[in-house]
């Protein structure tokens, strides 16, 4: 019998709690990272930080709530364009656009939950939410006076309290703070009665309703929170790339985001981090091989589905209980 299996429930909880306190060392270990990276490598590191909340928000709906919804790329674009428009048209500092971007993403999430609230499930829900993302891309293209149309829009330089984020290393620290806040708040949400309701709905929605759980309310909350988190990621993306285009929020982007949660681990915050890091950084090693990025995504997804149904996070969970997301159920 393995050590993990031999632990009593109390010992497992203590080990998990001690391990989670050690996880707080990770942000501290990341602080000197910019000292060892050149500008392009730092840009990739920043892009990883952008995709962590993207994976977190996507995972809340798909992994924790158990609904096959593909509207995530719409939330991402809405957050990005909200931040970009506020900065360009109204000269709002970037740090003041973060919350509006999240709110707009959350409102879009609430709107995207309507089919689910009407009982649409499985592939029908996937198609309807996918159509929502394509509808938003049509809006980006057609609403040319605001979004710049097909040519996109330039985003002014980001700043935080007057401190210009004119270097990739400065963006890294600002993004790191946002990522930590998103992970902590989502972790608290999933460990509360809301997260337990998500688990119940995913396990058996009819049984959850019979037990008195207002399933519609929690489905709406799950979509809204996922949209809020991904909207914040959109504001980070706008600050990072400096130019927004409808082409950045197409089906290829959706495939990337879905691969992040599948490879990292469904319903896992740790998996969202691992998936974002792997699928953002790995393609950089194959820039000289056109088309290899899509092949990499396909191979990773196939391998994970066949051999690691809970993703890369399950490997860490076997090594230490600190990485085991107890709010997730198969």
C-alpha atoms as a PDB file:
ATOM      1  CA  UNK A   1       0.000   0.000   0.000  1.00  0.00           C
ATOM      2  CA  UNK A   2       1.311   3.458  -0.894  1.00  0.00           C
ATOM      3  CA  UNK A   3       1.961   6.134   1.725  1.00  0.00           C
ATOM      4  CA  UNK A   4      -0.894   8.225   0.326  1.00  0.00           C
ATOM      5  CA  UNK A   5      -3.333   5.336   0.603  1.00  0.00           C
ATOM      6  CA  UNK A   6      -2.159   4.512   4.137  1.00  0.00           C
ATOM      7  CA  UNK A   7      -2.936   7.985   5.479  1.00  0.00           C
ATOM      8  CA  UNK A   8      -5.991   8.468   7.637  1.00  0.00           C
ATOM      9  CA  UNK A   9      -8.439  11.198   6.536  1.00  0.00           C
ATOM     10  CA  UNK A  10      -7.139  13.488   9.289  1.00  0.00           C
ATOM     11  CA  UNK A  11      -3.525  12.929   8.268  1.00  0.00           C
ATOM     12  CA  UNK A  12      -4.429  13.542   4.632  1.00  0.00           C
ATOM     13  CA  UNK A  13      -6.134  16.828   5.522  1.00  0.00           C
ATOM     14  CA  UNK A  14      -3.113  17.939   7.540  1.00  0.00           C
ATOM     15  CA  UNK A  15      -0.737  17.027   4.735  1.00  0.00           C
ATOM     16  CA  UNK A  16      -2.931  18.823   2.232  1.00  0.00           C
ATOM     17  CA  UNK A  17      -3.111  21.941   4.392  1.00  0.00           C
ATOM     18  CA  UNK A  18       0.638  21.992   5.005  1.00  0.00           C
ATOM     19  CA  UNK A  19       1.319  21.483   1.332  1.00  0.00           C
ATOM     20  CA  UNK A  20      -1.020  24.279   0.330  1.00  0.00           C
ATOM     21  CA  UNK A  21       0.833  26.664   2.627  1.00  0.00           C
ATOM     22  CA  UNK A  22       4.013  25.686   0.800  1.00  0.00           C
ATOM     23  CA  UNK A  23       2.325  26.579  -2.498  1.00  0.00           C
ATOM     24  CA  UNK A  24       2.473  30.212  -1.414  1.00  0.00           C
ATOM     25  CA  UNK A  25       6.221  29.994  -1.954  1.00  0.00           C
ATOM     26  CA  UNK A  26       5.645  29.627  -5.700  1.00  0.00           C
ATOM     27  CA  UNK A  27       4.874  33.346  -6.312  1.00  0.00           C
ATOM     28  CA  UNK A  28       7.966  34.256  -4.279  1.00  0.00           C
ATOM     29  CA  UNK A  29      10.090  31.926  -6.386  1.00  0.00           C
ATOM     30  CA  UNK A  30       8.747  33.616  -9.527  1.00  0.00           C
ATOM     31  CA  UNK A  31       9.813  37.112  -8.469  1.00  0.00           C
ATOM     32  CA  UNK A  32      13.404  36.887  -9.813  1.00  0.00           C
ATOM     33  CA  UNK A  33      12.311  35.273 -13.117  1.00  0.00           C
ATOM     34  CA  UNK A  34      12.635  38.499 -15.194  1.00  0.00           C
ATOM     35  CA  UNK A  35      16.318  38.686 -14.238  1.00  0.00           C
ATOM     36  CA  UNK A  36      17.056  35.556 -16.282  1.00  0.00           C
ATOM     37  CA  UNK A  37      14.955  36.164 -19.404  1.00  0.00           C
ATOM     38  CA  UNK A  38      15.446  38.255 -22.516  1.00  0.00           C
ATOM     39  CA  UNK A  39      12.632  40.439 -23.841  1.00  0.00           C
ATOM     40  CA  UNK A  40      10.995  37.777 -25.993  1.00  0.00           C
ATOM     41  CA  UNK A  41      11.223  35.088 -23.331  1.00  0.00           C
ATOM     42  CA  UNK A  42       9.701  37.537 -20.883  1.00  0.00           C
ATOM     43  CA  UNK A  43       6.855  38.165 -23.322  1.00  0.00           C
ATOM     44  CA  UNK A  44       6.159  34.415 -23.408  1.00  0.00           C
ATOM     45  CA  UNK A  45       6.216  34.301 -19.598  1.00  0.00           C
ATOM     46  CA  UNK A  46       3.711  37.157 -19.533  1.00  0.00           C
ATOM     47  CA  UNK A  47       1.536  35.337 -22.056  1.00  0.00           C
ATOM     48  CA  UNK A  48       1.505  32.306 -19.765  1.00  0.00           C
ATOM     49  CA  UNK A  49       0.220  34.520 -16.954  1.00  0.00           C
ATOM     50  CA  UNK A  50      -2.535  35.797 -19.267  1.00  0.00           C
ATOM     51  CA  UNK A  51      -3.695  32.266 -20.063  1.00  0.00           C
ATOM     52  CA  UNK A  52      -3.783  31.093 -16.447  1.00  0.00           C
ATOM     53  CA  UNK A  53      -7.028  32.992 -15.630  1.00  0.00           C
ATOM     54  CA  UNK A  54      -8.336  32.005 -19.081  1.00  0.00           C
ATOM     55  CA  UNK A  55      -7.963  28.377 -18.041  1.00  0.00           C
ATOM     56  CA  UNK A  56      -9.353  29.041 -14.559  1.00  0.00           C
ATOM     57  CA  UNK A  57     -12.532  30.643 -15.906  1.00  0.00           C
ATOM     58  CA  UNK A  58     -13.033  27.982 -18.569  1.00  0.00           C
ATOM     59  CA  UNK A  59     -12.522  25.248 -15.993  1.00  0.00           C
ATOM     60  CA  UNK A  60     -15.182  26.631 -13.647  1.00  0.00           C
ATOM     61  CA  UNK A  61     -17.855  26.047 -16.287  1.00  0.00           C
ATOM     62  CA  UNK A  62     -16.549  22.901 -17.992  1.00  0.00           C
ATOM     63  CA  UNK A  63     -14.589  21.186 -15.230  1.00  0.00           C
ATOM     64  CA  UNK A  64     -16.420  22.122 -12.041  1.00  0.00           C
ATOM     65  CA  UNK A  65     -19.952  22.803 -13.238  1.00  0.00           C
ATOM     66  CA  UNK A  66     -19.760  20.056 -15.854  1.00  0.00           C
ATOM     67  CA  UNK A  67     -21.350  21.964 -18.746  1.00  0.00           C
ATOM     68  CA  UNK A  68     -19.889  21.724 -22.241  1.00  0.00           C
ATOM     69  CA  UNK A  69     -19.889  25.434 -23.099  1.00  0.00           C
ATOM     70  CA  UNK A  70     -17.521  27.028 -25.622  1.00  0.00           C
ATOM     71  CA  UNK A  71     -18.243  30.715 -25.063  1.00  0.00           C
ATOM     72  CA  UNK A  72     -14.909  31.318 -23.317  1.00  0.00           C
ATOM     73  CA  UNK A  73     -13.261  32.988 -26.298  1.00  0.00           C
ATOM     74  CA  UNK A  74     -16.171  35.467 -26.390  1.00  0.00           C
ATOM     75  CA  UNK A  75     -15.505  36.462 -22.758  1.00  0.00           C
ATOM     76  CA  UNK A  76     -11.816  36.823 -23.572  1.00  0.00           C
ATOM     77  CA  UNK A  77     -12.472  39.123 -26.526  1.00  0.00           C
ATOM     78  CA  UNK A  78     -15.078  41.185 -24.672  1.00  0.00           C
ATOM     79  CA  UNK A  79     -12.659  41.774 -21.793  1.00  0.00           C
ATOM     80  CA  UNK A  80      -9.849  42.701 -24.179  1.00  0.00           C
ATOM     81  CA  UNK A  81     -11.937  45.102 -26.255  1.00  0.00           C
ATOM     82  CA  UNK A  82     -13.490  46.671 -23.143  1.00  0.00           C
ATOM     83  CA  UNK A  83     -10.041  47.495 -21.826  1.00  0.00           C
ATOM     84  CA  UNK A  84      -8.788  48.627 -25.241  1.00  0.00           C
ATOM     85  CA  UNK A  85     -11.761  50.906 -25.946  1.00  0.00           C
ATOM     86  CA  UNK A  86     -11.609  52.504 -22.490  1.00  0.00           C
ATOM     87  CA  UNK A  87      -7.892  53.157 -22.864  1.00  0.00           C
ATOM     88  CA  UNK A  88      -8.027  54.431 -26.452  1.00  0.00           C
ATOM     89  CA  UNK A  89     -11.320  56.317 -26.580  1.00  0.00           C
ATOM     90  CA  UNK A  90     -11.589  57.587 -22.992  1.00  0.00           C
ATOM     91  CA  UNK A  91      -7.905  57.683 -21.966  1.00  0.00           C
ATOM     92  CA  UNK A  92      -8.608  55.511 -18.928  1.00  0.00           C
ATOM     93  CA  UNK A  93      -5.459  54.061 -17.293  1.00  0.00           C
ATOM     94  CA  UNK A  94      -5.127  50.322 -17.764  1.00  0.00           C
ATOM     95  CA  UNK A  95      -5.452  49.445 -14.095  1.00  0.00           C
ATOM     96  CA  UNK A  96      -8.866  51.132 -14.024  1.00  0.00           C
ATOM     97  CA  UNK A  97     -10.053  49.015 -16.968  1.00  0.00           C
ATOM     98  CA  UNK A  98      -9.441  45.673 -15.248  1.00  0.00           C
ATOM     99  CA  UNK A  99     -12.651  45.646 -13.216  1.00  0.00           C
ATOM    100  CA  UNK A 100     -14.893  46.927 -16.069  1.00  0.00           C
ATOM    101  CA  UNK A 101     -13.391  44.263 -18.350  1.00  0.00           C
ATOM    102  CA  UNK A 102     -14.186  41.613 -15.751  1.00  0.00           C
ATOM    103  CA  UNK A 103     -17.722  42.953 -15.268  1.00  0.00           C
ATOM    104  CA  UNK A 104     -18.402  42.970 -19.001  1.00  0.00           C
ATOM    105  CA  UNK A 105     -17.058  39.436 -19.211  1.00  0.00           C
ATOM    106  CA  UNK A 106     -19.285  38.428 -16.302  1.00  0.00           C
ATOM    107  CA  UNK A 107     -22.345  39.968 -17.974  1.00  0.00           C
ATOM    108  CA  UNK A 108     -21.481  38.076 -21.156  1.00  0.00           C
ATOM    109  CA  UNK A 109     -21.178  34.924 -19.066  1.00  0.00           C
ATOM    110  CA  UNK A 110     -24.644  35.498 -17.629  1.00  0.00           C
ATOM    111  CA  UNK A 111     -25.989  35.969 -21.167  1.00  0.00           C
ATOM    112  CA  UNK A 112     -24.240  32.801 -22.377  1.00  0.00           C
ATOM    113  CA  UNK A 113     -25.878  30.821 -19.563  1.00  0.00           C
ATOM    114  CA  UNK A 114     -29.379  31.370 -20.984  1.00  0.00           C
ATOM    115  CA  UNK A 115     -29.367  28.209 -23.162  1.00  0.00           C
ATOM    116  CA  UNK A 116     -28.193  26.163 -20.166  1.00  0.00           C
ATOM    117  CA  UNK A 117     -30.919  27.678 -18.010  1.00  0.00           C
ATOM    118  CA  UNK A 118     -33.447  26.570 -20.628  1.00  0.00           C
ATOM    119  CA  UNK A 119     -32.253  22.980 -20.362  1.00  0.00           C
ATOM    120  CA  UNK A 120     -29.907  22.836 -23.367  1.00  0.00           C
ATOM    121  CA  UNK A 121     -27.078  20.378 -22.698  1.00  0.00           C
ATOM    122  CA  UNK A 122     -24.189  18.442 -24.241  1.00  0.00           C
ATOM    123  CA  UNK A 123     -23.321  19.145 -27.885  1.00  0.00           C
ATOM    124  CA  UNK A 124     -26.337  21.407 -28.398  1.00  0.00           C
ATOM    125  CA  UNK A 125     -25.053  23.700 -25.652  1.00  0.00           C
ATOM    126  CA  UNK A 126     -21.554  23.512 -27.112  1.00  0.00           C
ATOM    127  CA  UNK A 127     -22.783  24.612 -30.551  1.00  0.00           C
ATOM    128  CA  UNK A 128     -24.941  27.433 -29.198  1.00  0.00           C
ATOM    129  CA  UNK A 129     -22.159  28.844 -27.027  1.00  0.00           C
ATOM    130  CA  UNK A 130     -19.689  28.448 -29.886  1.00  0.00           C
ATOM    131  CA  UNK A 131     -22.051  30.516 -32.016  1.00  0.00           C
ATOM    132  CA  UNK A 132     -22.003  33.209 -29.325  1.00  0.00           C
ATOM    133  CA  UNK A 133     -18.245  33.505 -29.724  1.00  0.00           C
ATOM    134  CA  UNK A 134     -18.567  33.785 -33.495  1.00  0.00           C
ATOM    135  CA  UNK A 135     -21.302  36.404 -33.069  1.00  0.00           C
ATOM    136  CA  UNK A 136     -18.994  38.507 -30.937  1.00  0.00           C
ATOM    137  CA  UNK A 137     -16.244  38.227 -33.557  1.00  0.00           C
ATOM    138  CA  UNK A 138     -18.751  39.511 -36.127  1.00  0.00           C
ATOM    139  CA  UNK A 139     -19.424  42.460 -33.796  1.00  0.00           C
ATOM    140  CA  UNK A 140     -15.690  43.232 -33.552  1.00  0.00           C
ATOM    141  CA  UNK A 141     -15.498  43.314 -37.344  1.00  0.00           C
ATOM    142  CA  UNK A 142     -18.684  45.298 -38.027  1.00  0.00           C
ATOM    143  CA  UNK A 143     -18.525  47.821 -35.186  1.00  0.00           C
ATOM    144  CA  UNK A 144     -15.679  49.598 -36.926  1.00  0.00           C
ATOM    145  CA  UNK A 145     -16.033  53.078 -35.303  1.00  0.00           C
ATOM    146  CA  UNK A 146     -15.397  51.522 -31.884  1.00  0.00           C
ATOM    147  CA  UNK A 147     -13.319  48.392 -32.481  1.00  0.00           C
ATOM    148  CA  UNK A 148     -11.427  49.365 -35.624  1.00  0.00           C
ATOM    149  CA  UNK A 149     -13.049  46.606 -37.657  1.00  0.00           C
ATOM    150  CA  UNK A 150     -10.940  43.998 -39.422  1.00  0.00           C
ATOM    151  CA  UNK A 151      -7.793  46.084 -39.032  1.00  0.00           C
ATOM    152  CA  UNK A 152      -8.142  46.084 -35.257  1.00  0.00           C
ATOM    153  CA  UNK A 153      -7.209  48.796 -32.814  1.00  0.00           C
ATOM    154  CA  UNK A 154      -3.997  49.979 -31.226  1.00  0.00           C
ATOM    155  CA  UNK A 155      -4.004  49.894 -27.429  1.00  0.00           C
ATOM    156  CA  UNK A 156      -2.157  52.679 -25.588  1.00  0.00           C
ATOM    157  CA  UNK A 157       0.668  51.861 -23.215  1.00  0.00           C
ATOM    158  CA  UNK A 158      -0.563  50.345 -19.965  1.00  0.00           C
ATOM    159  CA  UNK A 159       0.136  51.886 -16.577  1.00  0.00           C
ATOM    160  CA  UNK A 160      -0.555  51.141 -12.919  1.00  0.00           C
ATOM    161  CA  UNK A 161      -0.998  54.174 -10.645  1.00  0.00           C
ATOM    162  CA  UNK A 162       1.051  56.245 -13.075  1.00  0.00           C
ATOM    163  CA  UNK A 163       3.789  53.609 -13.292  1.00  0.00           C
ATOM    164  CA  UNK A 164       4.182  52.877 -17.000  1.00  0.00           C
ATOM    165  CA  UNK A 165       4.354  49.204 -17.932  1.00  0.00           C
ATOM    166  CA  UNK A 166       6.818  50.004 -20.694  1.00  0.00           C
ATOM    167  CA  UNK A 167       8.927  46.898 -20.127  1.00  0.00           C
ATOM    168  CA  UNK A 168       7.918  43.248 -20.208  1.00  0.00           C
ATOM    169  CA  UNK A 169       9.329  42.740 -16.713  1.00  0.00           C
ATOM    170  CA  UNK A 170       6.985  45.400 -15.304  1.00  0.00           C
ATOM    171  CA  UNK A 171       4.011  43.748 -16.960  1.00  0.00           C
ATOM    172  CA  UNK A 172       5.102  40.457 -15.422  1.00  0.00           C
ATOM    173  CA  UNK A 173       4.779  41.725 -11.857  1.00  0.00           C
ATOM    174  CA  UNK A 174       1.433  43.420 -12.511  1.00  0.00           C
ATOM    175  CA  UNK A 175       0.075  40.269 -14.150  1.00  0.00           C
ATOM    176  CA  UNK A 176       1.434  38.057 -11.375  1.00  0.00           C
ATOM    177  CA  UNK A 177      -0.537  39.999  -8.767  1.00  0.00           C
ATOM    178  CA  UNK A 178      -3.744  39.632 -10.811  1.00  0.00           C
ATOM    179  CA  UNK A 179      -3.199  35.915 -11.346  1.00  0.00           C
ATOM    180  CA  UNK A 180      -2.682  35.322  -7.626  1.00  0.00           C
ATOM    181  CA  UNK A 181      -5.886  37.233  -6.816  1.00  0.00           C
ATOM    182  CA  UNK A 182      -7.876  35.282  -9.420  1.00  0.00           C
ATOM    183  CA  UNK A 183      -6.619  31.912  -8.168  1.00  0.00           C
ATOM    184  CA  UNK A 184      -7.197  32.740  -4.501  1.00  0.00           C
ATOM    185  CA  UNK A 185     -10.717  34.081  -5.061  1.00  0.00           C
ATOM    186  CA  UNK A 186     -11.691  31.168  -7.305  1.00  0.00           C
ATOM    187  CA  UNK A 187     -10.281  28.706  -4.801  1.00  0.00           C
ATOM    188  CA  UNK A 188     -12.371  30.313  -2.042  1.00  0.00           C
ATOM    189  CA  UNK A 189     -15.465  30.175  -4.247  1.00  0.00           C
ATOM    190  CA  UNK A 190     -14.997  26.506  -5.091  1.00  0.00           C
ATOM    191  CA  UNK A 191     -14.374  25.555  -1.462  1.00  0.00           C
ATOM    192  CA  UNK A 192     -17.545  27.293  -0.308  1.00  0.00           C
ATOM    193  CA  UNK A 193     -21.125  26.074  -0.530  1.00  0.00           C
ATOM    194  CA  UNK A 194     -21.166  27.418  -4.089  1.00  0.00           C
ATOM    195  CA  UNK A 195     -18.418  25.017  -5.108  1.00  0.00           C
ATOM    196  CA  UNK A 196     -20.181  22.142  -3.370  1.00  0.00           C
ATOM    197  CA  UNK A 197     -23.325  23.023  -5.314  1.00  0.00           C
ATOM    198  CA  UNK A 198     -21.307  22.964  -8.552  1.00  0.00           C
ATOM    199  CA  UNK A 199     -20.118  19.450  -7.683  1.00  0.00           C
ATOM    200  CA  UNK A 200     -23.683  18.323  -6.959  1.00  0.00           C
ATOM    201  CA  UNK A 201     -24.977  19.765 -10.242  1.00  0.00           C
ATOM    202  CA  UNK A 202     -22.186  18.127 -12.188  1.00  0.00           C
ATOM    203  CA  UNK A 203     -22.809  14.777 -10.523  1.00  0.00           C
ATOM    204  CA  UNK A 204     -26.576  14.714 -11.049  1.00  0.00           C
ATOM    205  CA  UNK A 205     -28.470  17.897 -11.804  1.00  0.00           C
ATOM    206  CA  UNK A 206     -31.905  16.361 -11.194  1.00  0.00           C
ATOM    207  CA  UNK A 207     -30.836  14.940  -7.840  1.00  0.00           C
ATOM    208  CA  UNK A 208     -29.313  18.280  -6.851  1.00  0.00           C
ATOM    209  CA  UNK A 209     -32.593  20.066  -7.653  1.00  0.00           C
ATOM    210  CA  UNK A 210     -34.529  17.434  -5.692  1.00  0.00           C
ATOM    211  CA  UNK A 211     -32.309  18.182  -2.671  1.00  0.00           C
ATOM    212  CA  UNK A 212     -33.370  21.812  -2.790  1.00  0.00           C
ATOM    213  CA  UNK A 213     -30.335  23.254  -4.583  1.00  0.00           C
ATOM    214  CA  UNK A 214     -31.431  26.125  -6.874  1.00  0.00           C
ATOM    215  CA  UNK A 215     -29.568  24.786  -9.886  1.00  0.00           C
ATOM    216  CA  UNK A 216     -30.443  27.676 -12.196  1.00  0.00           C
ATOM    217  CA  UNK A 217     -28.962  30.170  -9.759  1.00  0.00           C
ATOM    218  CA  UNK A 218     -25.704  28.258  -9.469  1.00  0.00           C
ATOM    219  CA  UNK A 219     -25.434  27.696 -13.220  1.00  0.00           C
ATOM    220  CA  UNK A 220     -25.833  31.438 -13.718  1.00  0.00           C
ATOM    221  CA  UNK A 221     -23.208  32.090 -11.036  1.00  0.00           C
ATOM    222  CA  UNK A 222     -20.762  29.632 -12.610  1.00  0.00           C
ATOM    223  CA  UNK A 223     -21.042  31.219 -16.053  1.00  0.00           C
ATOM    224  CA  UNK A 224     -20.853  34.744 -14.631  1.00  0.00           C
ATOM    225  CA  UNK A 225     -17.768  34.005 -12.530  1.00  0.00           C
ATOM    226  CA  UNK A 226     -16.072  32.247 -15.426  1.00  0.00           C
ATOM    227  CA  UNK A 227     -16.810  35.222 -17.675  1.00  0.00           C
ATOM    228  CA  UNK A 228     -15.572  37.664 -15.017  1.00  0.00           C
ATOM    229  CA  UNK A 229     -12.245  35.881 -14.624  1.00  0.00           C
ATOM    230  CA  UNK A 230     -11.693  35.486 -18.365  1.00  0.00           C
ATOM    231  CA  UNK A 231     -12.671  39.137 -18.901  1.00  0.00           C
ATOM    232  CA  UNK A 232      -9.839  40.128 -16.561  1.00  0.00           C
ATOM    233  CA  UNK A 233      -7.519  37.930 -18.621  1.00  0.00           C
ATOM    234  CA  UNK A 234      -8.722  39.836 -21.686  1.00  0.00           C
ATOM    235  CA  UNK A 235      -7.656  43.140 -20.140  1.00  0.00           C
ATOM    236  CA  UNK A 236      -4.235  41.623 -19.447  1.00  0.00           C
ATOM    237  CA  UNK A 237      -4.009  40.458 -23.058  1.00  0.00           C
ATOM    238  CA  UNK A 238      -4.823  43.950 -24.338  1.00  0.00           C
ATOM    239  CA  UNK A 239      -2.054  45.433 -22.204  1.00  0.00           C
ATOM    240  CA  UNK A 240       0.408  42.770 -23.312  1.00  0.00           C
ATOM    241  CA  UNK A 241      -0.009  42.727 -27.099  1.00  0.00           C
ATOM    242  CA  UNK A 242      -0.821  46.427 -27.644  1.00  0.00           C
ATOM    243  CA  UNK A 243      -3.068  45.676 -30.639  1.00  0.00           C
ATOM    244  CA  UNK A 244      -6.420  43.928 -30.813  1.00  0.00           C
ATOM    245  CA  UNK A 245      -7.773  42.203 -33.903  1.00  0.00           C
ATOM    246  CA  UNK A 246     -10.851  39.997 -34.466  1.00  0.00           C
ATOM    247  CA  UNK A 247      -8.485  37.310 -35.773  1.00  0.00           C
ATOM    248  CA  UNK A 248      -7.131  36.918 -32.223  1.00  0.00           C
ATOM    249  CA  UNK A 249     -10.476  35.538 -31.024  1.00  0.00           C
ATOM    250  CA  UNK A 250     -11.307  32.924 -33.651  1.00  0.00           C
ATOM    251  CA  UNK A 251     -11.782  29.145 -33.498  1.00  0.00           C
ATOM    252  CA  UNK A 252      -8.037  28.546 -33.303  1.00  0.00           C
ATOM    253  CA  UNK A 253      -7.985  30.535 -30.077  1.00  0.00           C
ATOM    254  CA  UNK A 254     -10.857  28.456 -28.733  1.00  0.00           C
ATOM    255  CA  UNK A 255      -8.966  25.243 -29.523  1.00  0.00           C
ATOM    256  CA  UNK A 256      -5.956  26.561 -27.601  1.00  0.00           C
ATOM    257  CA  UNK A 257      -8.073  27.449 -24.567  1.00  0.00           C
ATOM    258  CA  UNK A 258      -9.851  24.089 -24.600  1.00  0.00           C
ATOM    259  CA  UNK A 259      -6.522  22.291 -24.886  1.00  0.00           C
ATOM    260  CA  UNK A 260      -5.256  24.183 -21.824  1.00  0.00           C
ATOM    261  CA  UNK A 261      -7.931  22.770 -19.533  1.00  0.00           C
ATOM    262  CA  UNK A 262      -7.923  19.304 -21.095  1.00  0.00           C
ATOM    263  CA  UNK A 263      -4.165  18.849 -20.890  1.00  0.00           C
ATOM    264  CA  UNK A 264      -3.760  20.618 -17.556  1.00  0.00           C
ATOM    265  CA  UNK A 265      -6.697  18.921 -15.881  1.00  0.00           C
ATOM    266  CA  UNK A 266     -10.450  19.444 -15.813  1.00  0.00           C
ATOM    267  CA  UNK A 267     -11.723  21.101 -12.654  1.00  0.00           C
ATOM    268  CA  UNK A 268      -8.220  21.821 -11.365  1.00  0.00           C
ATOM    269  CA  UNK A 269      -6.695  25.198 -10.559  1.00  0.00           C
ATOM    270  CA  UNK A 270      -3.264  23.598 -10.614  1.00  0.00           C
ATOM    271  CA  UNK A 271      -4.162  22.078 -13.975  1.00  0.00           C
ATOM    272  CA  UNK A 272      -5.094  25.512 -15.341  1.00  0.00           C
ATOM    273  CA  UNK A 273      -1.609  26.746 -14.464  1.00  0.00           C
ATOM    274  CA  UNK A 274       0.135  23.679 -15.898  1.00  0.00           C
ATOM    275  CA  UNK A 275      -1.914  23.719 -19.090  1.00  0.00           C
ATOM    276  CA  UNK A 276      -1.317  27.428 -19.659  1.00  0.00           C
ATOM    277  CA  UNK A 277       2.427  27.043 -19.109  1.00  0.00           C
ATOM    278  CA  UNK A 278       2.837  24.002 -21.364  1.00  0.00           C
ATOM    279  CA  UNK A 279       0.608  25.009 -24.260  1.00  0.00           C
ATOM    280  CA  UNK A 280       1.855  28.593 -24.338  1.00  0.00           C
ATOM    281  CA  UNK A 281       5.560  27.849 -24.064  1.00  0.00           C
ATOM    282  CA  UNK A 282       5.844  24.568 -26.006  1.00  0.00           C
ATOM    283  CA  UNK A 283       4.934  25.985 -29.459  1.00  0.00           C
ATOM    284  CA  UNK A 284       7.817  28.448 -29.152  1.00  0.00           C
ATOM    285  CA  UNK A 285      10.246  25.538 -29.544  1.00  0.00           C
ATOM    286  CA  UNK A 286       8.728  24.613 -32.907  1.00  0.00           C
ATOM    287  CA  UNK A 287       8.519  27.981 -34.641  1.00  0.00           C
ATOM    288  CA  UNK A 288      10.586  26.695 -37.552  1.00  0.00           C
ATOM    289  CA  UNK A 289       8.085  23.905 -38.246  1.00  0.00           C
ATOM    290  CA  UNK A 290       4.910  25.332 -39.811  1.00  0.00           C
ATOM    291  CA  UNK A 291       1.746  23.541 -38.742  1.00  0.00           C
ATOM    292  CA  UNK A 292       3.461  21.689 -35.917  1.00  0.00           C
ATOM    293  CA  UNK A 293       1.621  23.734 -33.288  1.00  0.00           C
ATOM    294  CA  UNK A 294      -1.752  22.258 -34.306  1.00  0.00           C
ATOM    295  CA  UNK A 295      -0.215  18.784 -34.397  1.00  0.00           C
ATOM    296  CA  UNK A 296       1.209  19.294 -30.917  1.00  0.00           C
ATOM    297  CA  UNK A 297      -2.214  20.265 -29.537  1.00  0.00           C
ATOM    298  CA  UNK A 298      -3.844  17.235 -31.157  1.00  0.00           C
ATOM    299  CA  UNK A 299      -1.224  14.772 -29.878  1.00  0.00           C
ATOM    300  CA  UNK A 300      -1.297  16.188 -26.349  1.00  0.00           C
ATOM    301  CA  UNK A 301      -5.083  16.033 -26.131  1.00  0.00           C
ATOM    302  CA  UNK A 302      -5.176  12.449 -27.453  1.00  0.00           C
ATOM    303  CA  UNK A 303      -2.445  11.283 -25.082  1.00  0.00           C
ATOM    304  CA  UNK A 304      -4.064  12.948 -22.072  1.00  0.00           C
ATOM    305  CA  UNK A 305      -7.523  11.562 -22.832  1.00  0.00           C
ATOM    306  CA  UNK A 306      -6.113   8.040 -23.227  1.00  0.00           C
ATOM    307  CA  UNK A 307      -3.653   7.935 -20.343  1.00  0.00           C
ATOM    308  CA  UNK A 308      -4.364  10.895 -18.019  1.00  0.00           C
ATOM    309  CA  UNK A 309      -8.123  11.605 -17.991  1.00  0.00           C
ATOM    310  CA  UNK A 310      -7.641  14.184 -15.222  1.00  0.00           C
ATOM    311  CA  UNK A 311      -4.704  15.819 -16.981  1.00  0.00           C
ATOM    312  CA  UNK A 312      -1.207  16.667 -15.824  1.00  0.00           C
ATOM    313  CA  UNK A 313      -2.554  17.838 -12.461  1.00  0.00           C
ATOM    314  CA  UNK A 314      -3.336  14.222 -11.575  1.00  0.00           C
ATOM    315  CA  UNK A 315       0.385  13.408 -11.664  1.00  0.00           C
ATOM    316  CA  UNK A 316       1.088  16.069  -9.050  1.00  0.00           C
ATOM    317  CA  UNK A 317      -1.917  14.959  -6.992  1.00  0.00           C
ATOM    318  CA  UNK A 318      -0.425  11.479  -6.774  1.00  0.00           C
ATOM    319  CA  UNK A 319       2.857  12.951  -5.570  1.00  0.00           C
ATOM    320  CA  UNK A 320       1.378  15.168  -2.845  1.00  0.00           C
ATOM    321  CA  UNK A 321      -2.179  15.773  -1.550  1.00  0.00           C
ATOM    322  CA  UNK A 322      -1.625  19.542  -1.682  1.00  0.00           C
ATOM    323  CA  UNK A 323      -2.265  19.357  -5.413  1.00  0.00           C
ATOM    324  CA  UNK A 324      -5.496  17.401  -5.064  1.00  0.00           C
ATOM    325  CA  UNK A 325      -8.489  19.664  -5.780  1.00  0.00           C
ATOM    326  CA  UNK A 326     -11.070  18.310  -3.365  1.00  0.00           C
ATOM    327  CA  UNK A 327     -13.844  20.384  -4.911  1.00  0.00           C
ATOM    328  CA  UNK A 328     -13.528  18.299  -8.090  1.00  0.00           C
ATOM    329  CA  UNK A 329     -15.370  15.023  -8.600  1.00  0.00           C
ATOM    330  CA  UNK A 330     -15.252  12.630 -11.527  1.00  0.00           C
END
